[in-house]
N, C-alpha and C. Protein backbone atom coordinates (compact mmCIF):
# COMPACT_ATOMS: atom_id res chain seq x y z
N MET A 1 0.84 -1.18 0.00
CA MET A 1 0.00 0.00 0.00
C MET A 1 0.89 1.24 0.00
N ALA A 2 0.44 2.26 -0.70
CA ALA A 2 1.15 3.53 -0.72
C ALA A 2 0.14 4.65 -0.48
N ILE A 3 0.49 5.55 0.41
CA ILE A 3 -0.37 6.71 0.68
C ILE A 3 0.42 7.96 0.36
N TYR A 4 -0.17 8.82 -0.46
CA TYR A 4 0.46 10.08 -0.83
C TYR A 4 -0.49 11.23 -0.55
N PRO A 5 0.05 12.43 -0.34
CA PRO A 5 -0.81 13.57 0.01
C PRO A 5 -1.63 14.09 -1.16
N HIS A 6 -2.76 14.65 -0.79
CA HIS A 6 -3.66 15.32 -1.73
C HIS A 6 -3.78 16.77 -1.26
N CYS A 7 -4.42 16.99 -0.14
CA CYS A 7 -4.47 18.30 0.49
C CYS A 7 -5.04 18.13 1.89
N ASN A 8 -4.97 19.18 2.67
CA ASN A 8 -5.47 19.12 4.03
C ASN A 8 -6.92 19.60 4.12
N ILE A 9 -7.23 20.76 3.54
CA ILE A 9 -8.56 21.34 3.74
C ILE A 9 -9.51 21.18 2.56
N HIS A 10 -9.00 20.98 1.37
CA HIS A 10 -9.81 20.77 0.16
C HIS A 10 -10.79 21.91 -0.11
N GLU A 11 -10.43 23.10 0.28
CA GLU A 11 -11.21 24.31 -0.05
C GLU A 11 -10.42 25.05 -1.12
N TYR A 12 -10.82 24.86 -2.37
CA TYR A 12 -10.06 25.40 -3.50
C TYR A 12 -9.80 26.89 -3.36
N ASN A 13 -10.80 27.65 -2.94
CA ASN A 13 -10.63 29.10 -2.85
C ASN A 13 -9.61 29.49 -1.80
N GLN A 14 -9.32 28.61 -0.86
CA GLN A 14 -8.30 28.90 0.15
C GLN A 14 -6.92 28.40 -0.28
N ILE A 15 -6.84 27.13 -0.67
CA ILE A 15 -5.51 26.58 -0.97
C ILE A 15 -4.93 27.15 -2.25
N TYR A 16 -5.78 27.59 -3.17
CA TYR A 16 -5.28 28.12 -4.44
C TYR A 16 -5.23 29.65 -4.48
N LYS A 17 -5.26 30.31 -3.31
CA LYS A 17 -5.11 31.77 -3.28
C LYS A 17 -3.74 32.17 -3.83
N SER A 18 -2.74 31.38 -3.46
CA SER A 18 -1.36 31.65 -3.89
C SER A 18 -0.58 30.35 -3.80
N SER A 19 0.61 30.35 -4.37
CA SER A 19 1.44 29.15 -4.25
C SER A 19 1.83 28.94 -2.79
N ASP A 20 2.01 30.03 -2.03
CA ASP A 20 2.35 29.89 -0.61
C ASP A 20 1.25 29.17 0.17
N THR A 21 -0.02 29.55 -0.07
CA THR A 21 -1.11 28.90 0.66
C THR A 21 -1.22 27.43 0.26
N TYR A 22 -0.96 27.12 -1.01
CA TYR A 22 -0.98 25.73 -1.45
C TYR A 22 0.09 24.93 -0.71
N PHE A 23 1.33 25.45 -0.68
CA PHE A 23 2.43 24.70 -0.08
C PHE A 23 2.29 24.59 1.44
N LYS A 24 1.70 25.60 2.08
CA LYS A 24 1.44 25.49 3.52
C LYS A 24 0.43 24.38 3.79
N ASP A 25 -0.63 24.32 2.98
CA ASP A 25 -1.63 23.27 3.13
C ASP A 25 -1.01 21.90 2.86
N LEU A 26 -0.20 21.79 1.82
CA LEU A 26 0.45 20.52 1.49
C LEU A 26 1.36 20.07 2.64
N GLU A 27 2.08 21.00 3.22
CA GLU A 27 2.97 20.67 4.33
C GLU A 27 2.17 20.13 5.53
N VAL A 28 1.05 20.76 5.84
CA VAL A 28 0.19 20.28 6.93
C VAL A 28 -0.26 18.85 6.62
N CYS A 29 -0.67 18.61 5.38
CA CYS A 29 -1.12 17.27 4.97
C CYS A 29 0.01 16.26 5.11
N GLN A 30 1.19 16.60 4.62
CA GLN A 30 2.34 15.69 4.70
C GLN A 30 2.69 15.38 6.16
N ASN A 31 2.68 16.42 7.00
CA ASN A 31 3.01 16.22 8.42
C ASN A 31 1.98 15.32 9.10
N LYS A 32 0.70 15.51 8.78
CA LYS A 32 -0.34 14.65 9.35
C LYS A 32 -0.15 13.20 8.91
N LEU A 33 0.14 13.00 7.63
CA LEU A 33 0.37 11.64 7.15
C LEU A 33 1.54 11.00 7.87
N ASN A 34 2.63 11.74 8.00
CA ASN A 34 3.81 11.19 8.67
C ASN A 34 3.51 10.86 10.13
N ARG A 35 2.75 11.73 10.79
CA ARG A 35 2.42 11.49 12.19
C ARG A 35 1.52 10.24 12.32
N VAL A 36 0.48 10.16 11.52
CA VAL A 36 -0.45 9.03 11.59
C VAL A 36 0.23 7.72 11.20
N LEU A 37 1.09 7.77 10.20
CA LEU A 37 1.77 6.57 9.70
C LEU A 37 3.07 6.27 10.44
N ASN A 38 3.41 7.14 11.41
CA ASN A 38 4.62 6.98 12.21
C ASN A 38 5.86 6.83 11.32
N GLN A 39 6.04 7.81 10.45
CA GLN A 39 7.18 7.79 9.53
C GLN A 39 7.67 9.22 9.32
N ASN A 40 8.80 9.33 8.66
CA ASN A 40 9.34 10.64 8.29
C ASN A 40 9.68 10.57 6.80
N LYS A 41 8.65 10.59 5.98
CA LYS A 41 8.80 10.35 4.54
C LYS A 41 8.81 11.67 3.78
N ASN A 42 9.70 11.74 2.81
CA ASN A 42 9.66 12.82 1.82
C ASN A 42 8.84 12.30 0.66
N TYR A 43 7.68 12.87 0.48
CA TYR A 43 6.75 12.37 -0.54
C TYR A 43 7.19 12.80 -1.93
N LYS A 44 7.20 11.84 -2.86
CA LYS A 44 7.64 12.17 -4.22
C LYS A 44 6.48 12.29 -5.20
N PHE A 45 5.25 12.04 -4.73
CA PHE A 45 4.07 12.19 -5.58
C PHE A 45 2.99 12.96 -4.82
N VAL A 46 2.15 13.65 -5.57
CA VAL A 46 0.99 14.34 -5.01
C VAL A 46 -0.08 14.43 -6.09
N ARG A 47 -1.33 14.44 -5.69
CA ARG A 47 -2.40 14.77 -6.63
C ARG A 47 -3.01 16.08 -6.18
N MET A 48 -2.96 17.06 -7.06
CA MET A 48 -3.48 18.38 -6.75
C MET A 48 -5.01 18.36 -6.79
N PRO A 49 -5.66 19.01 -5.83
CA PRO A 49 -7.13 19.09 -5.85
C PRO A 49 -7.62 19.68 -7.18
N GLY A 50 -8.52 18.97 -7.83
CA GLY A 50 -9.02 19.43 -9.13
C GLY A 50 -8.10 19.10 -10.28
N GLY A 51 -6.93 18.55 -9.98
CA GLY A 51 -5.96 18.22 -11.01
C GLY A 51 -5.04 19.38 -11.32
N SER A 52 -4.00 19.10 -12.07
CA SER A 52 -2.96 20.10 -12.35
C SER A 52 -3.35 21.11 -13.42
N THR A 53 -4.50 20.92 -14.02
CA THR A 53 -4.99 21.90 -15.02
C THR A 53 -6.37 22.40 -14.63
N ASN A 54 -6.65 22.43 -13.32
CA ASN A 54 -7.97 22.85 -12.87
C ASN A 54 -8.25 24.30 -13.28
N LEU A 55 -9.51 24.63 -13.36
CA LEU A 55 -9.94 25.97 -13.79
C LEU A 55 -10.27 26.88 -12.62
N VAL A 56 -10.08 26.40 -11.40
CA VAL A 56 -10.37 27.20 -10.21
C VAL A 56 -9.20 28.12 -9.89
N CYS A 57 -8.02 27.61 -10.05
CA CYS A 57 -6.80 28.34 -9.70
C CYS A 57 -6.37 29.24 -10.86
N LYS A 58 -5.90 30.44 -10.53
CA LYS A 58 -5.36 31.33 -11.56
C LYS A 58 -4.16 30.65 -12.21
N LYS A 59 -4.05 30.83 -13.52
CA LYS A 59 -3.01 30.13 -14.28
C LYS A 59 -1.61 30.42 -13.74
N GLU A 60 -1.34 31.68 -13.40
CA GLU A 60 -0.02 32.04 -12.88
C GLU A 60 0.28 31.32 -11.57
N VAL A 61 -0.72 31.25 -10.69
CA VAL A 61 -0.55 30.55 -9.41
C VAL A 61 -0.33 29.06 -9.66
N LEU A 62 -1.12 28.50 -10.54
CA LEU A 62 -1.00 27.07 -10.88
C LEU A 62 0.39 26.76 -11.43
N ASN A 63 0.88 27.60 -12.32
CA ASN A 63 2.22 27.40 -12.88
C ASN A 63 3.29 27.49 -11.80
N ASN A 64 3.13 28.43 -10.85
CA ASN A 64 4.09 28.56 -9.75
C ASN A 64 4.05 27.33 -8.84
N ILE A 65 2.87 26.79 -8.62
CA ILE A 65 2.74 25.58 -7.81
C ILE A 65 3.45 24.42 -8.50
N LYS A 66 3.19 24.24 -9.79
CA LYS A 66 3.82 23.13 -10.52
C LYS A 66 5.34 23.27 -10.53
N LYS A 67 5.82 24.48 -10.73
CA LYS A 67 7.27 24.71 -10.69
C LYS A 67 7.82 24.40 -9.30
N GLY A 68 7.10 24.86 -8.27
CA GLY A 68 7.53 24.60 -6.90
C GLY A 68 7.57 23.12 -6.57
N LEU A 69 6.59 22.38 -7.04
CA LEU A 69 6.59 20.94 -6.82
C LEU A 69 7.80 20.30 -7.49
N LYS A 70 8.05 20.68 -8.73
CA LYS A 70 9.21 20.12 -9.44
C LYS A 70 10.51 20.48 -8.73
N ASP A 71 10.61 21.73 -8.24
CA ASP A 71 11.80 22.16 -7.51
C ASP A 71 12.02 21.33 -6.24
N LYS A 72 10.93 20.83 -5.67
CA LYS A 72 11.00 19.99 -4.47
C LYS A 72 11.10 18.50 -4.82
N ASN A 73 11.27 18.20 -6.12
CA ASN A 73 11.32 16.82 -6.60
C ASN A 73 10.05 16.03 -6.26
N ILE A 74 8.91 16.71 -6.35
CA ILE A 74 7.62 16.08 -6.16
C ILE A 74 6.92 16.05 -7.51
N MET A 75 6.50 14.87 -7.93
CA MET A 75 5.77 14.74 -9.19
C MET A 75 4.28 14.86 -8.91
N TYR A 76 3.59 15.64 -9.73
CA TYR A 76 2.14 15.76 -9.56
C TYR A 76 1.46 14.84 -10.57
N VAL A 77 0.51 14.07 -10.04
CA VAL A 77 -0.12 12.99 -10.78
C VAL A 77 -1.56 13.36 -11.11
N ASP A 78 -1.92 13.23 -12.37
CA ASP A 78 -3.30 13.40 -12.80
C ASP A 78 -3.85 12.02 -13.15
N TRP A 79 -4.75 11.93 -14.08
CA TRP A 79 -5.39 10.67 -14.43
C TRP A 79 -5.65 10.66 -15.93
N ASN A 80 -5.81 9.47 -16.48
CA ASN A 80 -6.19 9.37 -17.89
C ASN A 80 -7.53 8.66 -18.07
N ILE A 81 -8.12 8.19 -16.97
CA ILE A 81 -9.47 7.63 -16.98
C ILE A 81 -10.23 8.27 -15.81
N ASP A 82 -11.39 8.85 -16.11
CA ASP A 82 -12.21 9.50 -15.08
C ASP A 82 -13.46 8.67 -14.83
N SER A 83 -13.66 8.26 -13.60
CA SER A 83 -14.84 7.46 -13.25
C SER A 83 -16.12 8.29 -13.33
N GLY A 84 -15.98 9.60 -13.26
CA GLY A 84 -17.16 10.47 -13.28
C GLY A 84 -17.88 10.52 -11.95
N ASP A 85 -17.26 9.97 -10.90
CA ASP A 85 -17.95 9.91 -9.60
C ASP A 85 -18.06 11.26 -8.91
N ALA A 86 -17.35 12.27 -9.41
CA ALA A 86 -17.45 13.60 -8.82
C ALA A 86 -18.26 14.55 -9.69
N SER A 87 -18.89 14.04 -10.71
CA SER A 87 -19.65 14.89 -11.64
C SER A 87 -20.96 15.38 -11.04
N ALA A 88 -21.40 14.77 -9.96
CA ALA A 88 -22.62 15.18 -9.26
C ALA A 88 -22.51 14.70 -7.81
N ALA A 89 -23.39 15.20 -6.96
CA ALA A 89 -23.37 14.80 -5.55
C ALA A 89 -23.57 13.30 -5.41
N LYS A 90 -24.47 12.74 -6.16
CA LYS A 90 -24.72 11.29 -6.14
C LYS A 90 -24.62 10.77 -7.57
N VAL A 91 -23.74 9.81 -7.76
CA VAL A 91 -23.57 9.17 -9.07
C VAL A 91 -23.77 7.68 -8.85
N SER A 92 -24.57 7.07 -9.67
CA SER A 92 -24.89 5.65 -9.50
C SER A 92 -23.68 4.76 -9.79
N SER A 93 -23.68 3.61 -9.16
CA SER A 93 -22.63 2.61 -9.42
C SER A 93 -22.60 2.24 -10.89
N GLU A 94 -23.77 2.11 -11.49
CA GLU A 94 -23.87 1.74 -12.90
C GLU A 94 -23.21 2.80 -13.79
N SER A 95 -23.43 4.06 -13.47
CA SER A 95 -22.83 5.15 -14.25
C SER A 95 -21.31 5.13 -14.12
N ILE A 96 -20.81 4.95 -12.91
CA ILE A 96 -19.36 4.88 -12.68
C ILE A 96 -18.77 3.70 -13.45
N ARG A 97 -19.40 2.56 -13.32
CA ARG A 97 -18.93 1.35 -14.01
C ARG A 97 -18.90 1.57 -15.53
N ASN A 98 -19.95 2.16 -16.08
CA ASN A 98 -20.01 2.41 -17.52
C ASN A 98 -18.95 3.41 -17.96
N ASN A 99 -18.74 4.47 -17.17
CA ASN A 99 -17.71 5.47 -17.52
C ASN A 99 -16.35 4.81 -17.64
N ILE A 100 -16.02 3.97 -16.69
CA ILE A 100 -14.71 3.32 -16.71
C ILE A 100 -14.65 2.24 -17.79
N LYS A 101 -15.68 1.43 -17.87
CA LYS A 101 -15.70 0.34 -18.86
C LYS A 101 -15.57 0.88 -20.29
N ASN A 102 -16.17 2.03 -20.56
CA ASN A 102 -16.10 2.63 -21.90
C ASN A 102 -14.71 3.14 -22.25
N SER A 103 -13.87 3.37 -21.23
CA SER A 103 -12.52 3.89 -21.47
C SER A 103 -11.43 2.87 -21.18
N ALA A 104 -11.72 1.88 -20.37
CA ALA A 104 -10.71 0.91 -19.96
C ALA A 104 -10.08 0.23 -21.17
N GLY A 105 -8.75 0.11 -21.10
CA GLY A 105 -8.02 -0.54 -22.19
C GLY A 105 -7.49 0.44 -23.22
N THR A 106 -7.70 1.71 -22.99
CA THR A 106 -7.25 2.75 -23.93
C THR A 106 -5.73 2.95 -23.86
N TYR A 107 -5.18 2.89 -22.66
CA TYR A 107 -3.76 3.21 -22.45
C TYR A 107 -3.01 1.99 -21.90
N LYS A 108 -1.72 1.97 -22.19
CA LYS A 108 -0.85 0.91 -21.67
C LYS A 108 -0.87 0.93 -20.14
N ILE A 109 -0.80 2.12 -19.56
CA ILE A 109 -0.89 2.31 -18.11
C ILE A 109 -2.05 3.26 -17.86
N GLU A 110 -2.97 2.84 -17.02
CA GLU A 110 -4.14 3.67 -16.75
C GLU A 110 -4.18 4.09 -15.29
N VAL A 111 -4.43 5.37 -15.10
CA VAL A 111 -4.63 5.94 -13.77
C VAL A 111 -6.08 6.38 -13.73
N VAL A 112 -6.86 5.72 -12.88
CA VAL A 112 -8.31 5.96 -12.83
C VAL A 112 -8.61 6.89 -11.66
N LEU A 113 -9.31 7.98 -11.95
CA LEU A 113 -9.73 8.92 -10.91
C LEU A 113 -11.01 8.41 -10.26
N MET A 114 -10.91 8.10 -8.98
CA MET A 114 -12.07 7.70 -8.17
C MET A 114 -11.91 8.38 -6.81
N HIS A 115 -13.02 8.70 -6.18
CA HIS A 115 -12.98 9.43 -4.92
C HIS A 115 -13.46 8.57 -3.76
N ASP A 116 -12.73 8.67 -2.67
CA ASP A 116 -13.10 8.01 -1.43
C ASP A 116 -13.47 9.11 -0.44
N ALA A 117 -14.74 9.44 -0.40
CA ALA A 117 -15.20 10.54 0.45
C ALA A 117 -16.63 10.26 0.89
N GLU A 118 -17.04 10.99 1.89
CA GLU A 118 -18.43 10.87 2.34
C GLU A 118 -19.35 11.15 1.15
N GLY A 119 -20.36 10.36 1.01
CA GLY A 119 -21.28 10.55 -0.11
C GLY A 119 -20.86 9.83 -1.38
N LYS A 120 -19.74 9.13 -1.34
CA LYS A 120 -19.26 8.41 -2.52
C LYS A 120 -19.35 6.90 -2.32
N LYS A 121 -20.38 6.45 -1.66
CA LYS A 121 -20.58 5.03 -1.40
C LYS A 121 -20.65 4.23 -2.69
N SER A 122 -21.27 4.81 -3.71
CA SER A 122 -21.39 4.08 -4.99
C SER A 122 -20.02 3.82 -5.61
N THR A 123 -19.05 4.69 -5.34
CA THR A 123 -17.69 4.46 -5.84
C THR A 123 -17.11 3.21 -5.18
N ALA A 124 -17.21 3.15 -3.87
CA ALA A 124 -16.71 1.97 -3.15
C ALA A 124 -17.45 0.71 -3.58
N ASP A 125 -18.74 0.83 -3.77
CA ASP A 125 -19.54 -0.33 -4.19
C ASP A 125 -19.14 -0.85 -5.57
N THR A 126 -18.61 0.02 -6.40
CA THR A 126 -18.25 -0.32 -7.77
C THR A 126 -16.83 -0.88 -7.89
N LEU A 127 -16.02 -0.63 -6.89
CA LEU A 127 -14.59 -0.92 -6.99
C LEU A 127 -14.30 -2.37 -7.35
N ASP A 128 -14.95 -3.31 -6.73
CA ASP A 128 -14.66 -4.72 -7.01
C ASP A 128 -14.90 -5.06 -8.49
N SER A 129 -16.00 -4.59 -9.05
CA SER A 129 -16.28 -4.90 -10.46
C SER A 129 -15.29 -4.20 -11.39
N ILE A 130 -14.81 -3.03 -11.00
CA ILE A 130 -13.80 -2.32 -11.81
C ILE A 130 -12.49 -3.10 -11.78
N ILE A 131 -12.10 -3.56 -10.62
CA ILE A 131 -10.88 -4.37 -10.52
C ILE A 131 -11.00 -5.62 -11.39
N GLN A 132 -12.12 -6.28 -11.33
CA GLN A 132 -12.34 -7.48 -12.15
C GLN A 132 -12.26 -7.15 -13.64
N GLU A 133 -12.83 -6.02 -14.04
CA GLU A 133 -12.78 -5.58 -15.44
C GLU A 133 -11.34 -5.41 -15.90
N TYR A 134 -10.53 -4.75 -15.08
CA TYR A 134 -9.12 -4.55 -15.44
C TYR A 134 -8.34 -5.86 -15.44
N LYS A 135 -8.66 -6.76 -14.56
CA LYS A 135 -8.00 -8.07 -14.57
C LYS A 135 -8.32 -8.83 -15.86
N LEU A 136 -9.57 -8.74 -16.31
CA LEU A 136 -9.95 -9.39 -17.57
C LEU A 136 -9.18 -8.80 -18.75
N LEU A 137 -8.80 -7.52 -18.63
CA LEU A 137 -8.02 -6.86 -19.68
C LEU A 137 -6.52 -7.06 -19.48
N ASN A 138 -6.15 -7.90 -18.51
CA ASN A 138 -4.75 -8.25 -18.21
C ASN A 138 -3.91 -7.09 -17.69
N TYR A 139 -4.54 -6.16 -16.99
CA TYR A 139 -3.79 -5.09 -16.34
C TYR A 139 -3.25 -5.59 -15.02
N GLU A 140 -2.11 -5.02 -14.63
CA GLU A 140 -1.48 -5.32 -13.35
C GLU A 140 -1.68 -4.10 -12.45
N PHE A 141 -1.95 -4.31 -11.19
CA PHE A 141 -2.14 -3.22 -10.24
C PHE A 141 -0.85 -2.96 -9.50
N LYS A 142 -0.45 -1.68 -9.45
CA LYS A 142 0.76 -1.29 -8.75
C LYS A 142 0.51 -0.01 -7.97
N THR A 143 1.25 0.15 -6.89
CA THR A 143 1.23 1.43 -6.18
C THR A 143 2.25 2.34 -6.83
N LEU A 144 2.18 3.61 -6.51
CA LEU A 144 3.18 4.55 -7.03
C LEU A 144 4.57 4.19 -6.53
N ASP A 145 4.65 3.57 -5.37
CA ASP A 145 5.96 3.14 -4.85
C ASP A 145 6.56 2.01 -5.67
N ASN A 146 5.74 1.30 -6.42
CA ASN A 146 6.21 0.11 -7.13
C ASN A 146 6.33 0.28 -8.64
N ILE A 147 6.10 1.47 -9.15
CA ILE A 147 6.23 1.62 -10.60
C ILE A 147 7.69 1.89 -10.96
N THR A 148 8.07 1.42 -12.13
CA THR A 148 9.45 1.55 -12.58
C THR A 148 9.70 2.93 -13.17
N ASN A 149 10.97 3.25 -13.36
CA ASN A 149 11.32 4.51 -14.02
C ASN A 149 10.74 4.58 -15.43
N GLU A 150 10.71 3.44 -16.12
CA GLU A 150 10.14 3.40 -17.47
C GLU A 150 8.64 3.71 -17.43
N GLU A 151 7.96 3.18 -16.42
CA GLU A 151 6.52 3.45 -16.28
C GLU A 151 6.27 4.92 -15.91
N ILE A 152 7.13 5.46 -15.06
CA ILE A 152 7.02 6.89 -14.75
C ILE A 152 7.20 7.71 -16.02
N GLN A 153 8.20 7.36 -16.83
CA GLN A 153 8.45 8.10 -18.07
C GLN A 153 7.26 7.99 -19.02
N TYR A 154 6.65 6.82 -19.10
CA TYR A 154 5.45 6.66 -19.93
C TYR A 154 4.35 7.61 -19.45
N LEU A 155 4.16 7.69 -18.14
CA LEU A 155 3.12 8.56 -17.59
C LEU A 155 3.46 10.03 -17.77
N VAL A 156 4.74 10.37 -17.75
CA VAL A 156 5.15 11.75 -18.06
C VAL A 156 4.85 12.05 -19.52
N ASN A 157 5.27 11.14 -20.41
CA ASN A 157 5.05 11.34 -21.85
C ASN A 157 3.57 11.41 -22.21
N SER A 158 2.74 10.67 -21.47
CA SER A 158 1.30 10.68 -21.77
C SER A 158 0.55 11.73 -20.94
N LYS A 159 1.31 12.59 -20.29
CA LYS A 159 0.77 13.75 -19.56
C LYS A 159 -0.15 13.38 -18.39
N VAL A 160 0.20 12.29 -17.73
CA VAL A 160 -0.48 11.92 -16.49
C VAL A 160 0.35 12.42 -15.31
N ILE A 161 1.67 12.38 -15.44
CA ILE A 161 2.57 12.92 -14.43
C ILE A 161 3.20 14.19 -15.00
N ASN A 162 3.22 15.23 -14.16
CA ASN A 162 3.83 16.53 -14.50
C ASN A 162 3.28 17.13 -15.79
N ARG A 163 1.97 17.06 -15.95
CA ARG A 163 1.29 17.65 -17.12
C ARG A 163 1.55 19.16 -17.15
N GLU A 164 1.88 19.65 -18.30
CA GLU A 164 2.10 21.10 -18.47
C GLU A 164 0.84 21.78 -18.92
């Protein structure tokens, strides 16, 4: 299992005010993870709230955040398959399953965006069938800690990691 930071407060209007507010929030998140997991880890991956090309954050601030992450040797990870589970407050398991099934098998390496949050029970309910679907397509499941440099490069080239 691998756990990487996302954010602490998940309030876009607060964390994306400036690159400083983003990095302060990220630091709080990293410190909490280290405390809970009883470790002192320098995290090399992060997923930015809304993704690295979100439309909430001003472009200049977003670019400064991405540069700052790279300067800290942190790769920001997006996705190439969207489950659609965040498209509305309640999304049915069937809709999530269909969204993924319609895209599954498109890429050599697939990063599927799914949310584990209150109100996302249908996402959790769908997970087993999604895993089975990917197994039928002969995909292998790996954590970010277990991917090779070649796999990282593939994800960089396909704009899943460090998307510009």
